[in-house]
Every structure is written in C-alpha cells, then in structure tokens.
Amino acid sequence: MRLSILLAALVAANAALAGERAVTDDAGRAVTIPDRPERIVVMHEPLLGLPLMDLGVELVGSYGRTDDGEFVTAVDFMDTVLDTDLAKPKGIGPFGQIDLERLRALEPDLIIGTDLNIDKVEQLSTVAPVYLQNVSTGKAYGFSVEEDLAKVVGREDTFTKRKAAYLDRVAEVRKALPSDPAGQDYLAVFLTDQLNAVGETSGAIQALEDLGYSRLEPEHEGGAAGRGGSMMLVPLSVEAFGQLDPDLLVLMNSYMNDAREEAGTRAALDRIMPGWEKFLKPAKEGRILFLDSAKVTTPTVASAEHTLDAVETWAKR
C-alpha cells in the first residue's frame, strides 16, 4: 500500500517537473497532458475545434480538412462562426479514415476527441495523449464544451472574460424583447429532409434559455418520432409538429444547404409540410425566429452571440 502511494506521488512529481499534469477525461480515463498544450489536433472541428478557436487556441490539425486547410463539407465553420485570423488547421485524412502518417507529421502534443471516439483511442494514443470530451446531447449543454476545454488547455481566464461579455449582451437583448421570456417556451427545429428537434449542445440553445425561454419537449407531448437521432438532433414527425404551439418557434435550414436565410428556410419547410404557413399558429401570429444554422449550432460563446444578434433583430421588427 505504501509502495503504491509512493509510486503515485513520484509519477505526479515527474509530470509536474515536465510541465505536465494528470487529468481524468469524460470517458473516465486517466490521461497525462501538457500544462499548456501547443500542438493540438481535434477529431471533430465544429464540436471541438471551434470552442478552442473561440478561446484563441490555434490548432495544428483537424479531422475533416484537406492538407491545405480546406474544409471538406459545404460550410467552413471557422468562416461563418468566428471573427478570427487564426490559421486553418491541416487535415489528417478523409472522413472515415485517419491517416496516422499525416497525424504524426503534425507532431501533436495533445489529441482531443469526442465521447464517440472511444474506439479510436488505442490507435491515436500511439501518436500523442488523447483526451475525450463529452459533446452529445444529454452529456453536454449549450457551450459547456467550450468551458470544459478551457480548463483542459489552460484558458480559464479567457473563457471567464468571454462569458462575462456574453452575459452583458444577454441582459441587453432581453430588454429589447417585446415581452418577458420568463414562462414562455420555445421549440428549435432543424430542417434536413425531415423535421428535427435541436438537442441541447449548441450556442443557440444556451442563448435562448439564458434569455429566459424554456424548452418545449416534443416527446412529452407525444411528438418525437424517436429518441435516437444524432448528437444534436432528434427526429420529429410532421403530424406531431403540426399540433405543437410554442411561444417561440425557431427554424433553421440545414447548414449543408446554401439557402439558410428566411426565404430559403420557409421554402425548405414548405417541401416537408406544404401549406404550413396557413395553419401553424406560430406562423399565423408572427412567432417565428429564423436562424442561420451554420452560425448558431456550434457549442461556442460565438454561436450564442450570433443567436442573440438574430433575436435582437427579430424583436425590433
């Protein structure tokens, strides 16, 4: 017993001398990471990279980018969410296939993955320490991912300042609203080829609830088509959606679609539910807020701020 205590103390002392520290990640794994990691690679850029970049952290690599830094999907979230001159990270292989040689060439001192990357830990750990962060709905909320990662990379002070400025903005926007949101509910819907209720992990949800709105839970109304869905979305049936009457209906078209403005979002919903504007009560009574999904769905303070800007514009109409 005394020997094990002594060994643990020696390990901790050696880590401290080397500028490292022992932490427990969200998968319950003990990981030794640099005190101030400088060469970080992320396994999901919108959910992990954007929160870090919002704190001013420059990444060396990101899953889902090409060698020259181009994002492989329709939207580059760095461009739409952040006002930053940070260099774009390098790619480490196409979706579905990590290129370990590219990863090693970046010489990372920390790899950050999501709670869904547990099966890749053994492989990635051959290159650098791996920290797993919860991002899934039910495990993370709002921009909690950014707050958690601030502690991992030693940027707690930066996050504290970002959040303080954000809360000042919340108070300012709340005063501009036509009525007090306390006691009012909202439903946020993301349009793909179907209707999806937005999960808890996004700046949009953080901002709406900090303003005072409370979430309308479709499943409690018999509305969800199922509880599976992705990390961010839960499928919602057309029939159930047509019966719901939130005080504020929030609509956003898929960020894979270029038509994310109000007109494009209206057209996308009309394809799923023809004639919705004639019978949906929030539509008839002007209780709809349109958001650009590419700006507001990342778990960042920046996405929450974009949401506040949209709410303020809507309130002043």
C-alpha atoms as a PDB file:
ATOM      1  CA  MET A   1       0.000   0.000   0.000  1.00  0.00           C
ATOM      2  CA  ARG A   2       2.789   2.403   0.976  1.00  0.00           C
ATOM      3  CA  LEU A   3       4.698   1.454  -2.179  1.00  0.00           C
ATOM      4  CA  SER A   4       1.720   2.232  -4.432  1.00  0.00           C
ATOM      5  CA  ILE A   5       1.224   5.619  -2.742  1.00  0.00           C
ATOM      6  CA  LEU A   6       4.915   6.396  -3.191  1.00  0.00           C
ATOM      7  CA  LEU A   7       4.828   5.420  -6.873  1.00  0.00           C
ATOM      8  CA  ALA A   8       1.746   7.591  -7.475  1.00  0.00           C
ATOM      9  CA  ALA A   9       3.488  10.522  -5.796  1.00  0.00           C
ATOM     10  CA  LEU A  10       6.605  10.014  -7.926  1.00  0.00           C
ATOM     11  CA  VAL A  11       4.528   9.920 -11.133  1.00  0.00           C
ATOM     12  CA  ALA A  12       2.747  13.148 -10.153  1.00  0.00           C
ATOM     13  CA  ALA A  13       6.044  14.827  -9.274  1.00  0.00           C
ATOM     14  CA  ASN A  14       7.665  13.803 -12.558  1.00  0.00           C
ATOM     15  CA  ALA A  15       4.658  15.099 -14.517  1.00  0.00           C
ATOM     16  CA  ALA A  16       4.829  18.436 -12.703  1.00  0.00           C
ATOM     17  CA  LEU A  17       8.558  18.766 -13.442  1.00  0.00           C
ATOM     18  CA  ALA A  18       7.933  18.016 -17.102  1.00  0.00           C
ATOM     19  CA  GLY A  19       5.219  20.664 -17.403  1.00  0.00           C
ATOM     20  CA  GLU A  20       2.508  18.054 -17.444  1.00  0.00           C
ATOM     21  CA  ARG A  21      -0.499  17.189 -15.331  1.00  0.00           C
ATOM     22  CA  ALA A  22      -2.702  14.194 -14.770  1.00  0.00           C
ATOM     23  CA  VAL A  23      -6.392  14.648 -15.619  1.00  0.00           C
ATOM     24  CA  THR A  24      -9.460  12.459 -15.959  1.00  0.00           C
ATOM     25  CA  ASP A  25     -11.304  12.843 -19.229  1.00  0.00           C
ATOM     26  CA  ASP A  26     -15.043  12.492 -19.809  1.00  0.00           C
ATOM     27  CA  ALA A  27     -14.670   8.774 -20.518  1.00  0.00           C
ATOM     28  CA  GLY A  28     -13.219   8.318 -17.034  1.00  0.00           C
ATOM     29  CA  ARG A  29      -9.716   7.727 -18.388  1.00  0.00           C
ATOM     30  CA  ALA A  30      -6.606   8.943 -16.569  1.00  0.00           C
ATOM     31  CA  VAL A  31      -4.530  10.962 -19.046  1.00  0.00           C
ATOM     32  CA  THR A  32      -1.296  12.897 -18.653  1.00  0.00           C
ATOM     33  CA  ILE A  33      -1.399  16.043 -20.786  1.00  0.00           C
ATOM     34  CA  PRO A  34       0.814  19.126 -21.197  1.00  0.00           C
ATOM     35  CA  ASP A  35       0.115  22.010 -18.818  1.00  0.00           C
ATOM     36  CA  ARG A  36      -0.245  24.281 -21.818  1.00  0.00           C
ATOM     37  CA  PRO A  37      -0.636  22.199 -24.978  1.00  0.00           C
ATOM     38  CA  GLU A  38       0.671  23.985 -28.061  1.00  0.00           C
ATOM     39  CA  ARG A  39       0.119  21.500 -30.880  1.00  0.00           C
ATOM     40  CA  ILE A  40      -3.472  20.313 -30.641  1.00  0.00           C
ATOM     41  CA  VAL A  41      -5.349  18.102 -33.092  1.00  0.00           C
ATOM     42  CA  VAL A  42      -9.135  17.704 -32.824  1.00  0.00           C
ATOM     43  CA  MET A  43     -11.270  14.821 -34.059  1.00  0.00           C
ATOM     44  CA  HIS A  44     -14.354  16.977 -34.727  1.00  0.00           C
ATOM     45  CA  GLU A  45     -13.856  20.582 -35.727  1.00  0.00           C
ATOM     46  CA  PRO A  46     -17.344  22.107 -35.263  1.00  0.00           C
ATOM     47  CA  LEU A  47     -17.841  20.495 -31.839  1.00  0.00           C
ATOM     48  CA  LEU A  48     -14.259  20.594 -30.508  1.00  0.00           C
ATOM     49  CA  GLY A  49     -12.149  22.836 -32.719  1.00  0.00           C
ATOM     50  CA  LEU A  50     -14.487  25.834 -32.805  1.00  0.00           C
ATOM     51  CA  PRO A  51     -14.754  26.053 -28.980  1.00  0.00           C
ATOM     52  CA  LEU A  52     -10.955  26.033 -28.748  1.00  0.00           C
ATOM     53  CA  MET A  53     -10.516  28.590 -31.527  1.00  0.00           C
ATOM     54  CA  ASP A  54     -13.122  30.792 -29.841  1.00  0.00           C
ATOM     55  CA  LEU A  55     -10.662  30.890 -26.939  1.00  0.00           C
ATOM     56  CA  GLY A  56      -7.841  31.936 -29.256  1.00  0.00           C
ATOM     57  CA  VAL A  57      -6.232  28.490 -29.499  1.00  0.00           C
ATOM     58  CA  GLU A  58      -4.547  27.769 -32.825  1.00  0.00           C
ATOM     59  CA  LEU A  59      -4.906  24.132 -33.890  1.00  0.00           C
ATOM     60  CA  VAL A  60      -2.299  22.270 -35.918  1.00  0.00           C
ATOM     61  CA  GLY A  61      -4.676  19.605 -37.200  1.00  0.00           C
ATOM     62  CA  SER A  62      -8.342  18.733 -37.604  1.00  0.00           C
ATOM     63  CA  TYR A  63     -10.219  15.690 -38.824  1.00  0.00           C
ATOM     64  CA  GLY A  64     -12.218  16.693 -41.896  1.00  0.00           C
ATOM     65  CA  ARG A  65      -9.784  19.124 -43.525  1.00  0.00           C
ATOM     66  CA  THR A  66      -7.525  18.644 -46.506  1.00  0.00           C
ATOM     67  CA  ASP A  67      -3.752  19.082 -46.410  1.00  0.00           C
ATOM     68  CA  ASP A  68      -4.064  22.716 -47.486  1.00  0.00           C
ATOM     69  CA  GLY A  69      -6.615  23.509 -44.774  1.00  0.00           C
ATOM     70  CA  GLU A  70      -9.814  23.390 -46.835  1.00  0.00           C
ATOM     71  CA  PHE A  71     -12.882  22.053 -45.046  1.00  0.00           C
ATOM     72  CA  VAL A  72     -14.361  19.079 -46.894  1.00  0.00           C
ATOM     73  CA  THR A  73     -18.061  19.816 -46.273  1.00  0.00           C
ATOM     74  CA  ALA A  74     -20.252  22.633 -47.601  1.00  0.00           C
ATOM     75  CA  VAL A  75     -19.634  25.010 -44.688  1.00  0.00           C
ATOM     76  CA  ASP A  76     -16.333  26.078 -43.154  1.00  0.00           C
ATOM     77  CA  PHE A  77     -17.473  26.925 -39.624  1.00  0.00           C
ATOM     78  CA  MET A  78     -14.353  28.984 -38.966  1.00  0.00           C
ATOM     79  CA  ASP A  79     -15.534  31.413 -41.632  1.00  0.00           C
ATOM     80  CA  THR A  80     -19.183  31.549 -40.569  1.00  0.00           C
ATOM     81  CA  VAL A  81     -18.899  31.491 -36.761  1.00  0.00           C
ATOM     82  CA  LEU A  82     -15.632  33.130 -35.780  1.00  0.00           C
ATOM     83  CA  ASP A  83     -14.124  36.548 -36.332  1.00  0.00           C
ATOM     84  CA  THR A  84     -10.522  35.386 -36.191  1.00  0.00           C
ATOM     85  CA  ASP A  85      -7.282  35.488 -38.127  1.00  0.00           C
ATOM     86  CA  LEU A  86      -6.127  32.125 -36.791  1.00  0.00           C
ATOM     87  CA  ALA A  87      -4.546  29.856 -39.392  1.00  0.00           C
ATOM     88  CA  LYS A  88      -6.712  26.976 -40.539  1.00  0.00           C
ATOM     89  CA  PRO A  89      -5.593  23.572 -39.256  1.00  0.00           C
ATOM     90  CA  LYS A  90      -4.193  20.853 -41.520  1.00  0.00           C
ATOM     91  CA  GLY A  91      -6.130  17.711 -42.352  1.00  0.00           C
ATOM     92  CA  ILE A  92      -5.354  14.236 -41.003  1.00  0.00           C
ATOM     93  CA  GLY A  93      -7.215  12.184 -43.582  1.00  0.00           C
ATOM     94  CA  PRO A  94     -10.679  11.986 -45.150  1.00  0.00           C
ATOM     95  CA  PHE A  95     -13.832  11.201 -43.167  1.00  0.00           C
ATOM     96  CA  GLY A  96     -13.860   7.551 -42.162  1.00  0.00           C
ATOM     97  CA  GLN A  97     -10.106   7.105 -42.467  1.00  0.00           C
ATOM     98  CA  ILE A  98      -7.457   8.638 -40.221  1.00  0.00           C
ATOM     99  CA  ASP A  99      -4.032   8.961 -41.839  1.00  0.00           C
ATOM    100  CA  LEU A 100      -1.605   8.221 -38.994  1.00  0.00           C
ATOM    101  CA  GLU A 101       1.384   9.372 -41.021  1.00  0.00           C
ATOM    102  CA  ARG A 102      -0.174  12.793 -41.597  1.00  0.00           C
ATOM    103  CA  LEU A 103      -1.096  12.914 -37.926  1.00  0.00           C
ATOM    104  CA  ARG A 104       2.439  12.086 -36.778  1.00  0.00           C
ATOM    105  CA  ALA A 105       3.894  14.630 -39.183  1.00  0.00           C
ATOM    106  CA  LEU A 106       1.991  17.372 -37.324  1.00  0.00           C
ATOM    107  CA  GLU A 107       3.796  16.394 -34.099  1.00  0.00           C
ATOM    108  CA  PRO A 108       0.782  16.976 -31.836  1.00  0.00           C
ATOM    109  CA  ASP A 109       1.256  17.167 -28.090  1.00  0.00           C
ATOM    110  CA  LEU A 110      -2.484  16.566 -27.464  1.00  0.00           C
ATOM    111  CA  ILE A 111      -5.317  14.961 -29.430  1.00  0.00           C
ATOM    112  CA  ILE A 112      -8.854  15.833 -28.358  1.00  0.00           C
ATOM    113  CA  GLY A 113     -11.703  13.541 -29.385  1.00  0.00           C
ATOM    114  CA  THR A 114     -15.400  13.309 -28.638  1.00  0.00           C
ATOM    115  CA  ASP A 115     -17.101  10.794 -26.375  1.00  0.00           C
ATOM    116  CA  LEU A 116     -17.882   8.845 -29.575  1.00  0.00           C
ATOM    117  CA  ASN A 117     -14.172   8.346 -30.377  1.00  0.00           C
ATOM    118  CA  ILE A 118     -13.509   5.820 -27.626  1.00  0.00           C
ATOM    119  CA  ASP A 119     -12.859   3.110 -30.234  1.00  0.00           C
ATOM    120  CA  LYS A 120     -10.024   5.191 -31.746  1.00  0.00           C
ATOM    121  CA  VAL A 121      -8.128   5.874 -28.520  1.00  0.00           C
ATOM    122  CA  GLU A 122      -5.693   2.970 -28.808  1.00  0.00           C
ATOM    123  CA  GLN A 123      -4.736   3.953 -32.340  1.00  0.00           C
ATOM    124  CA  LEU A 124      -4.456   7.692 -31.639  1.00  0.00           C
ATOM    125  CA  SER A 125      -2.501   7.171 -28.405  1.00  0.00           C
ATOM    126  CA  THR A 126       0.426   5.846 -30.435  1.00  0.00           C
ATOM    127  CA  VAL A 127       0.901   9.437 -31.597  1.00  0.00           C
ATOM    128  CA  ALA A 128       0.045  11.670 -28.607  1.00  0.00           C
ATOM    129  CA  PRO A 129      -2.040  11.758 -25.396  1.00  0.00           C
ATOM    130  CA  VAL A 130      -5.782  11.548 -26.140  1.00  0.00           C
ATOM    131  CA  TYR A 131      -8.403  13.446 -24.151  1.00  0.00           C
ATOM    132  CA  LEU A 132     -12.079  12.593 -24.732  1.00  0.00           C
ATOM    133  CA  GLN A 133     -14.668  15.348 -24.283  1.00  0.00           C
ATOM    134  CA  ASN A 134     -18.444  14.870 -23.950  1.00  0.00           C
ATOM    135  CA  VAL A 135     -20.343  16.600 -26.745  1.00  0.00           C
ATOM    136  CA  SER A 136     -23.520  14.527 -27.042  1.00  0.00           C
ATOM    137  CA  THR A 137     -26.940  15.824 -26.083  1.00  0.00           C
ATOM    138  CA  GLY A 138     -27.630  14.707 -22.535  1.00  0.00           C
ATOM    139  CA  LYS A 139     -23.917  14.880 -21.678  1.00  0.00           C
ATOM    140  CA  ALA A 140     -23.160  18.449 -22.746  1.00  0.00           C
ATOM    141  CA  TYR A 141     -25.265  21.604 -22.759  1.00  0.00           C
ATOM    142  CA  GLY A 142     -25.054  24.921 -24.580  1.00  0.00           C
ATOM    143  CA  PHE A 143     -21.422  25.983 -24.735  1.00  0.00           C
ATOM    144  CA  SER A 144     -20.328  23.808 -21.789  1.00  0.00           C
ATOM    145  CA  VAL A 145     -17.890  22.115 -24.189  1.00  0.00           C
ATOM    146  CA  GLU A 146     -16.011  25.415 -24.511  1.00  0.00           C
ATOM    147  CA  GLU A 147     -15.948  25.882 -20.739  1.00  0.00           C
ATOM    148  CA  ASP A 148     -14.671  22.343 -20.198  1.00  0.00           C
ATOM    149  CA  LEU A 149     -11.983  22.605 -22.859  1.00  0.00           C
ATOM    150  CA  ALA A 150     -10.825  25.950 -21.453  1.00  0.00           C
ATOM    151  CA  LYS A 151      -9.759  24.042 -18.327  1.00  0.00           C
ATOM    152  CA  VAL A 152      -8.013  21.364 -20.377  1.00  0.00           C
ATOM    153  CA  VAL A 153      -5.870  23.846 -22.321  1.00  0.00           C
ATOM    154  CA  GLY A 154      -5.326  26.407 -19.551  1.00  0.00           C
ATOM    155  CA  ARG A 155      -7.591  29.143 -20.938  1.00  0.00           C
ATOM    156  CA  GLU A 156      -9.989  29.508 -17.990  1.00  0.00           C
ATOM    157  CA  ASP A 157      -9.371  33.269 -17.735  1.00  0.00           C
ATOM    158  CA  THR A 158     -10.137  33.753 -21.419  1.00  0.00           C
ATOM    159  CA  PHE A 159     -13.399  31.847 -21.101  1.00  0.00           C
ATOM    160  CA  THR A 160     -14.401  33.819 -17.990  1.00  0.00           C
ATOM    161  CA  LYS A 161     -13.982  37.090 -19.887  1.00  0.00           C
ATOM    162  CA  ARG A 162     -15.853  35.751 -22.941  1.00  0.00           C
ATOM    163  CA  LYS A 163     -18.749  34.598 -20.791  1.00  0.00           C
ATOM    164  CA  ALA A 164     -18.933  37.879 -18.836  1.00  0.00           C
ATOM    165  CA  ALA A 165     -19.198  39.905 -22.064  1.00  0.00           C
ATOM    166  CA  TYR A 166     -21.783  37.437 -23.370  1.00  0.00           C
ATOM    167  CA  LEU A 167     -23.950  37.754 -20.231  1.00  0.00           C
ATOM    168  CA  ASP A 168     -23.867  41.538 -20.581  1.00  0.00           C
ATOM    169  CA  ARG A 169     -25.167  41.063 -24.119  1.00  0.00           C
ATOM    170  CA  VAL A 170     -27.909  38.716 -22.868  1.00  0.00           C
ATOM    171  CA  ALA A 171     -29.151  41.417 -20.487  1.00  0.00           C
ATOM    172  CA  GLU A 172     -29.108  43.991 -23.296  1.00  0.00           C
ATOM    173  CA  VAL A 173     -31.087  41.805 -25.708  1.00  0.00           C
ATOM    174  CA  ARG A 174     -33.606  40.777 -23.046  1.00  0.00           C
ATOM    175  CA  LYS A 175     -34.519  44.437 -22.582  1.00  0.00           C
ATOM    176  CA  ALA A 176     -35.223  44.719 -26.322  1.00  0.00           C
ATOM    177  CA  LEU A 177     -37.760  41.869 -26.327  1.00  0.00           C
ATOM    178  CA  PRO A 178     -41.444  42.845 -26.609  1.00  0.00           C
ATOM    179  CA  SER A 179     -42.316  40.748 -23.544  1.00  0.00           C
ATOM    180  CA  ASP A 180     -40.537  38.932 -20.725  1.00  0.00           C
ATOM    181  CA  PRO A 181     -39.500  35.435 -21.932  1.00  0.00           C
ATOM    182  CA  ALA A 182     -39.911  34.021 -18.410  1.00  0.00           C
ATOM    183  CA  GLY A 183     -42.726  31.497 -18.554  1.00  0.00           C
ATOM    184  CA  GLN A 184     -42.600  31.292 -22.362  1.00  0.00           C
ATOM    185  CA  ASP A 185     -41.437  28.178 -24.189  1.00  0.00           C
ATOM    186  CA  TYR A 186     -39.607  27.640 -27.468  1.00  0.00           C
ATOM    187  CA  LEU A 187     -39.092  24.840 -29.947  1.00  0.00           C
ATOM    188  CA  ALA A 188     -35.970  24.838 -32.127  1.00  0.00           C
ATOM    189  CA  VAL A 189     -36.315  22.864 -35.364  1.00  0.00           C
ATOM    190  CA  PHE A 190     -33.519  21.962 -37.790  1.00  0.00           C
ATOM    191  CA  LEU A 191     -34.575  21.115 -41.335  1.00  0.00           C
ATOM    192  CA  THR A 192     -32.889  18.367 -43.338  1.00  0.00           C
ATOM    193  CA  ASP A 193     -35.056  16.113 -45.482  1.00  0.00           C
ATOM    194  CA  GLN A 194     -37.208  15.875 -42.362  1.00  0.00           C
ATOM    195  CA  LEU A 195     -38.009  17.826 -39.194  1.00  0.00           C
ATOM    196  CA  ASN A 196     -35.580  17.550 -36.287  1.00  0.00           C
ATOM    197  CA  ALA A 197     -35.802  18.973 -32.781  1.00  0.00           C
ATOM    198  CA  VAL A 198     -32.452  20.565 -31.909  1.00  0.00           C
ATOM    199  CA  GLY A 199     -30.642  18.944 -28.997  1.00  0.00           C
ATOM    200  CA  GLU A 200     -29.041  20.707 -26.037  1.00  0.00           C
ATOM    201  CA  THR A 201     -25.486  21.141 -27.320  1.00  0.00           C
ATOM    202  CA  SER A 202     -25.345  24.446 -29.194  1.00  0.00           C
ATOM    203  CA  GLY A 203     -24.833  28.134 -28.638  1.00  0.00           C
ATOM    204  CA  ALA A 204     -28.381  28.746 -29.881  1.00  0.00           C
ATOM    205  CA  ILE A 205     -29.910  26.715 -27.057  1.00  0.00           C
ATOM    206  CA  GLN A 206     -27.662  28.406 -24.485  1.00  0.00           C
ATOM    207  CA  ALA A 207     -28.709  31.879 -25.651  1.00  0.00           C
ATOM    208  CA  LEU A 208     -32.442  31.156 -25.839  1.00  0.00           C
ATOM    209  CA  GLU A 209     -32.515  29.699 -22.347  1.00  0.00           C
ATOM    210  CA  ASP A 210     -30.271  32.392 -20.867  1.00  0.00           C
ATOM    211  CA  LEU A 211     -32.771  34.912 -22.240  1.00  0.00           C
ATOM    212  CA  GLY A 212     -35.433  33.159 -20.181  1.00  0.00           C
ATOM    213  CA  TYR A 213     -37.220  30.859 -22.628  1.00  0.00           C
ATOM    214  CA  SER A 214     -37.797  27.258 -21.570  1.00  0.00           C
ATOM    215  CA  ARG A 215     -37.615  24.278 -23.886  1.00  0.00           C
ATOM    216  CA  LEU A 216     -40.773  22.665 -25.197  1.00  0.00           C
ATOM    217  CA  GLU A 217     -40.030  18.934 -25.121  1.00  0.00           C
ATOM    218  CA  PRO A 218     -41.855  17.318 -28.062  1.00  0.00           C
ATOM    219  CA  GLU A 219     -41.575  13.807 -26.621  1.00  0.00           C
ATOM    220  CA  HIS A 220     -43.529  14.911 -23.558  1.00  0.00           C
ATOM    221  CA  GLU A 221     -46.307  15.939 -25.910  1.00  0.00           C
ATOM    222  CA  GLY A 222     -46.140  12.647 -27.767  1.00  0.00           C
ATOM    223  CA  GLY A 223     -44.318  14.440 -30.545  1.00  0.00           C
ATOM    224  CA  ALA A 224     -40.946  12.825 -31.113  1.00  0.00           C
ATOM    225  CA  ALA A 225     -40.718  10.226 -33.818  1.00  0.00           C
ATOM    226  CA  GLY A 226     -37.971   8.546 -31.837  1.00  0.00           C
ATOM    227  CA  ARG A 227     -35.263   9.318 -29.319  1.00  0.00           C
ATOM    228  CA  GLY A 228     -32.312   8.183 -31.405  1.00  0.00           C
ATOM    229  CA  GLY A 229     -31.100  10.816 -33.791  1.00  0.00           C
ATOM    230  CA  SER A 230     -27.636  12.325 -33.870  1.00  0.00           C
ATOM    231  CA  MET A 231     -25.647  14.153 -31.236  1.00  0.00           C
ATOM    232  CA  MET A 232     -27.556  17.347 -31.991  1.00  0.00           C
ATOM    233  CA  LEU A 233     -30.882  16.310 -33.492  1.00  0.00           C
ATOM    234  CA  VAL A 234     -33.938  14.229 -32.596  1.00  0.00           C
ATOM    235  CA  PRO A 235     -36.349  13.347 -35.441  1.00  0.00           C
ATOM    236  CA  LEU A 236     -39.775  14.976 -35.143  1.00  0.00           C
ATOM    237  CA  SER A 237     -42.843  13.740 -37.009  1.00  0.00           C
ATOM    238  CA  VAL A 238     -44.767  16.129 -39.267  1.00  0.00           C
ATOM    239  CA  GLU A 239     -48.040  15.178 -37.567  1.00  0.00           C
ATOM    240  CA  ALA A 240     -46.729  15.968 -34.086  1.00  0.00           C
ATOM    241  CA  PHE A 241     -45.062  19.189 -35.220  1.00  0.00           C
ATOM    242  CA  GLY A 242     -48.327  20.458 -36.680  1.00  0.00           C
ATOM    243  CA  GLN A 243     -50.008  20.101 -33.280  1.00  0.00           C
ATOM    244  CA  LEU A 244     -47.364  21.954 -31.257  1.00  0.00           C
ATOM    245  CA  ASP A 245     -47.775  25.623 -30.361  1.00  0.00           C
ATOM    246  CA  PRO A 246     -44.590  27.008 -28.767  1.00  0.00           C
ATOM    247  CA  ASP A 247     -44.487  30.658 -27.751  1.00  0.00           C
ATOM    248  CA  LEU A 248     -41.423  30.948 -29.989  1.00  0.00           C
ATOM    249  CA  LEU A 249     -40.766  28.660 -32.949  1.00  0.00           C
ATOM    250  CA  VAL A 250     -37.130  28.699 -34.035  1.00  0.00           C
ATOM    251  CA  LEU A 251     -36.454  27.465 -37.566  1.00  0.00           C
ATOM    252  CA  MET A 252     -33.117  26.823 -39.236  1.00  0.00           C
ATOM    253  CA  ASN A 253     -32.322  25.194 -42.550  1.00  0.00           C
ATOM    254  CA  SER A 254     -29.527  22.626 -42.752  1.00  0.00           C
ATOM    255  CA  TYR A 255     -26.026  24.078 -42.916  1.00  0.00           C
ATOM    256  CA  MET A 256     -25.489  21.718 -45.865  1.00  0.00           C
ATOM    257  CA  ASN A 257     -27.893  23.984 -47.763  1.00  0.00           C
ATOM    258  CA  ASP A 258     -26.811  27.355 -49.174  1.00  0.00           C
ATOM    259  CA  ALA A 259     -30.334  28.781 -48.703  1.00  0.00           C
ATOM    260  CA  ARG A 260     -30.140  29.310 -44.939  1.00  0.00           C
ATOM    261  CA  GLU A 261     -31.805  32.739 -44.896  1.00  0.00           C
ATOM    262  CA  GLU A 262     -35.504  33.191 -44.039  1.00  0.00           C
ATOM    263  CA  ALA A 263     -36.797  32.686 -47.596  1.00  0.00           C
ATOM    264  CA  GLY A 264     -34.775  29.521 -48.103  1.00  0.00           C
ATOM    265  CA  THR A 265     -35.840  28.117 -44.746  1.00  0.00           C
ATOM    266  CA  ARG A 266     -39.513  28.818 -45.469  1.00  0.00           C
ATOM    267  CA  ALA A 267     -39.183  27.040 -48.805  1.00  0.00           C
ATOM    268  CA  ALA A 268     -37.451  24.057 -47.203  1.00  0.00           C
ATOM    269  CA  LEU A 269     -40.234  23.659 -44.627  1.00  0.00           C
ATOM    270  CA  ASP A 270     -42.863  24.003 -47.344  1.00  0.00           C
ATOM    271  CA  ARG A 271     -41.358  20.992 -49.105  1.00  0.00           C
ATOM    272  CA  ILE A 272     -41.673  18.932 -45.928  1.00  0.00           C
ATOM    273  CA  MET A 273     -45.036  20.319 -44.788  1.00  0.00           C
ATOM    274  CA  PRO A 274     -46.863  22.035 -47.663  1.00  0.00           C
ATOM    275  CA  GLY A 275     -49.083  24.925 -46.581  1.00  0.00           C
ATOM    276  CA  TRP A 276     -47.648  25.136 -43.065  1.00  0.00           C
ATOM    277  CA  GLU A 277     -47.886  28.939 -43.002  1.00  0.00           C
ATOM    278  CA  LYS A 278     -51.682  28.746 -43.283  1.00  0.00           C
ATOM    279  CA  PHE A 279     -52.360  26.512 -40.282  1.00  0.00           C
ATOM    280  CA  LEU A 280     -49.338  26.592 -37.934  1.00  0.00           C
ATOM    281  CA  LYS A 281     -50.243  29.021 -35.120  1.00  0.00           C
ATOM    282  CA  PRO A 282     -46.727  30.487 -34.556  1.00  0.00           C
ATOM    283  CA  ALA A 283     -46.613  31.238 -38.295  1.00  0.00           C
ATOM    284  CA  LYS A 284     -50.001  32.934 -38.366  1.00  0.00           C
ATOM    285  CA  GLU A 285     -49.185  35.000 -35.267  1.00  0.00           C
ATOM    286  CA  GLY A 286     -45.629  36.012 -36.208  1.00  0.00           C
ATOM    287  CA  ARG A 287     -43.862  34.000 -33.508  1.00  0.00           C
ATOM    288  CA  ILE A 288     -41.078  32.556 -35.657  1.00  0.00           C
ATOM    289  CA  LEU A 289     -37.374  33.263 -35.337  1.00  0.00           C
ATOM    290  CA  PHE A 290     -35.186  32.261 -38.302  1.00  0.00           C
ATOM    291  CA  LEU A 291     -31.564  31.409 -37.556  1.00  0.00           C
ATOM    292  CA  ASP A 292     -28.579  30.596 -39.765  1.00  0.00           C
ATOM    293  CA  SER A 293     -27.669  27.082 -38.635  1.00  0.00           C
ATOM    294  CA  ALA A 294     -24.060  27.475 -39.760  1.00  0.00           C
ATOM    295  CA  LYS A 295     -23.607  30.338 -37.294  1.00  0.00           C
ATOM    296  CA  VAL A 296     -25.536  29.163 -34.222  1.00  0.00           C
ATOM    297  CA  THR A 297     -25.205  25.386 -33.833  1.00  0.00           C
ATOM    298  CA  THR A 298     -21.628  25.057 -32.556  1.00  0.00           C
ATOM    299  CA  PRO A 299     -21.117  24.751 -28.761  1.00  0.00           C
ATOM    300  CA  THR A 300     -19.397  28.124 -28.552  1.00  0.00           C
ATOM    301  CA  VAL A 301     -19.916  31.510 -26.980  1.00  0.00           C
ATOM    302  CA  ALA A 302     -19.613  32.890 -30.512  1.00  0.00           C
ATOM    303  CA  SER A 303     -22.648  30.871 -31.692  1.00  0.00           C
ATOM    304  CA  ALA A 304     -24.611  32.078 -28.680  1.00  0.00           C
ATOM    305  CA  GLU A 305     -23.710  35.665 -29.592  1.00  0.00           C
ATOM    306  CA  HIS A 306     -24.866  35.153 -33.192  1.00  0.00           C
ATOM    307  CA  THR A 307     -28.168  33.894 -31.779  1.00  0.00           C
ATOM    308  CA  LEU A 308     -28.540  36.993 -29.604  1.00  0.00           C
ATOM    309  CA  ASP A 309     -27.923  39.205 -32.643  1.00  0.00           C
ATOM    310  CA  ALA A 310     -30.696  37.401 -34.550  1.00  0.00           C
ATOM    311  CA  VAL A 311     -33.104  37.624 -31.611  1.00  0.00           C
ATOM    312  CA  GLU A 312     -32.460  41.350 -31.276  1.00  0.00           C
ATOM    313  CA  THR A 313     -33.100  41.927 -34.995  1.00  0.00           C
ATOM    314  CA  TRP A 314     -36.323  39.891 -34.799  1.00  0.00           C
ATOM    315  CA  ALA A 315     -37.500  41.766 -31.679  1.00  0.00           C
ATOM    316  CA  LYS A 316     -37.049  45.141 -33.405  1.00  0.00           C
ATOM    317  CA  ARG A 317     -39.184  44.284 -36.438  1.00  0.00           C
END
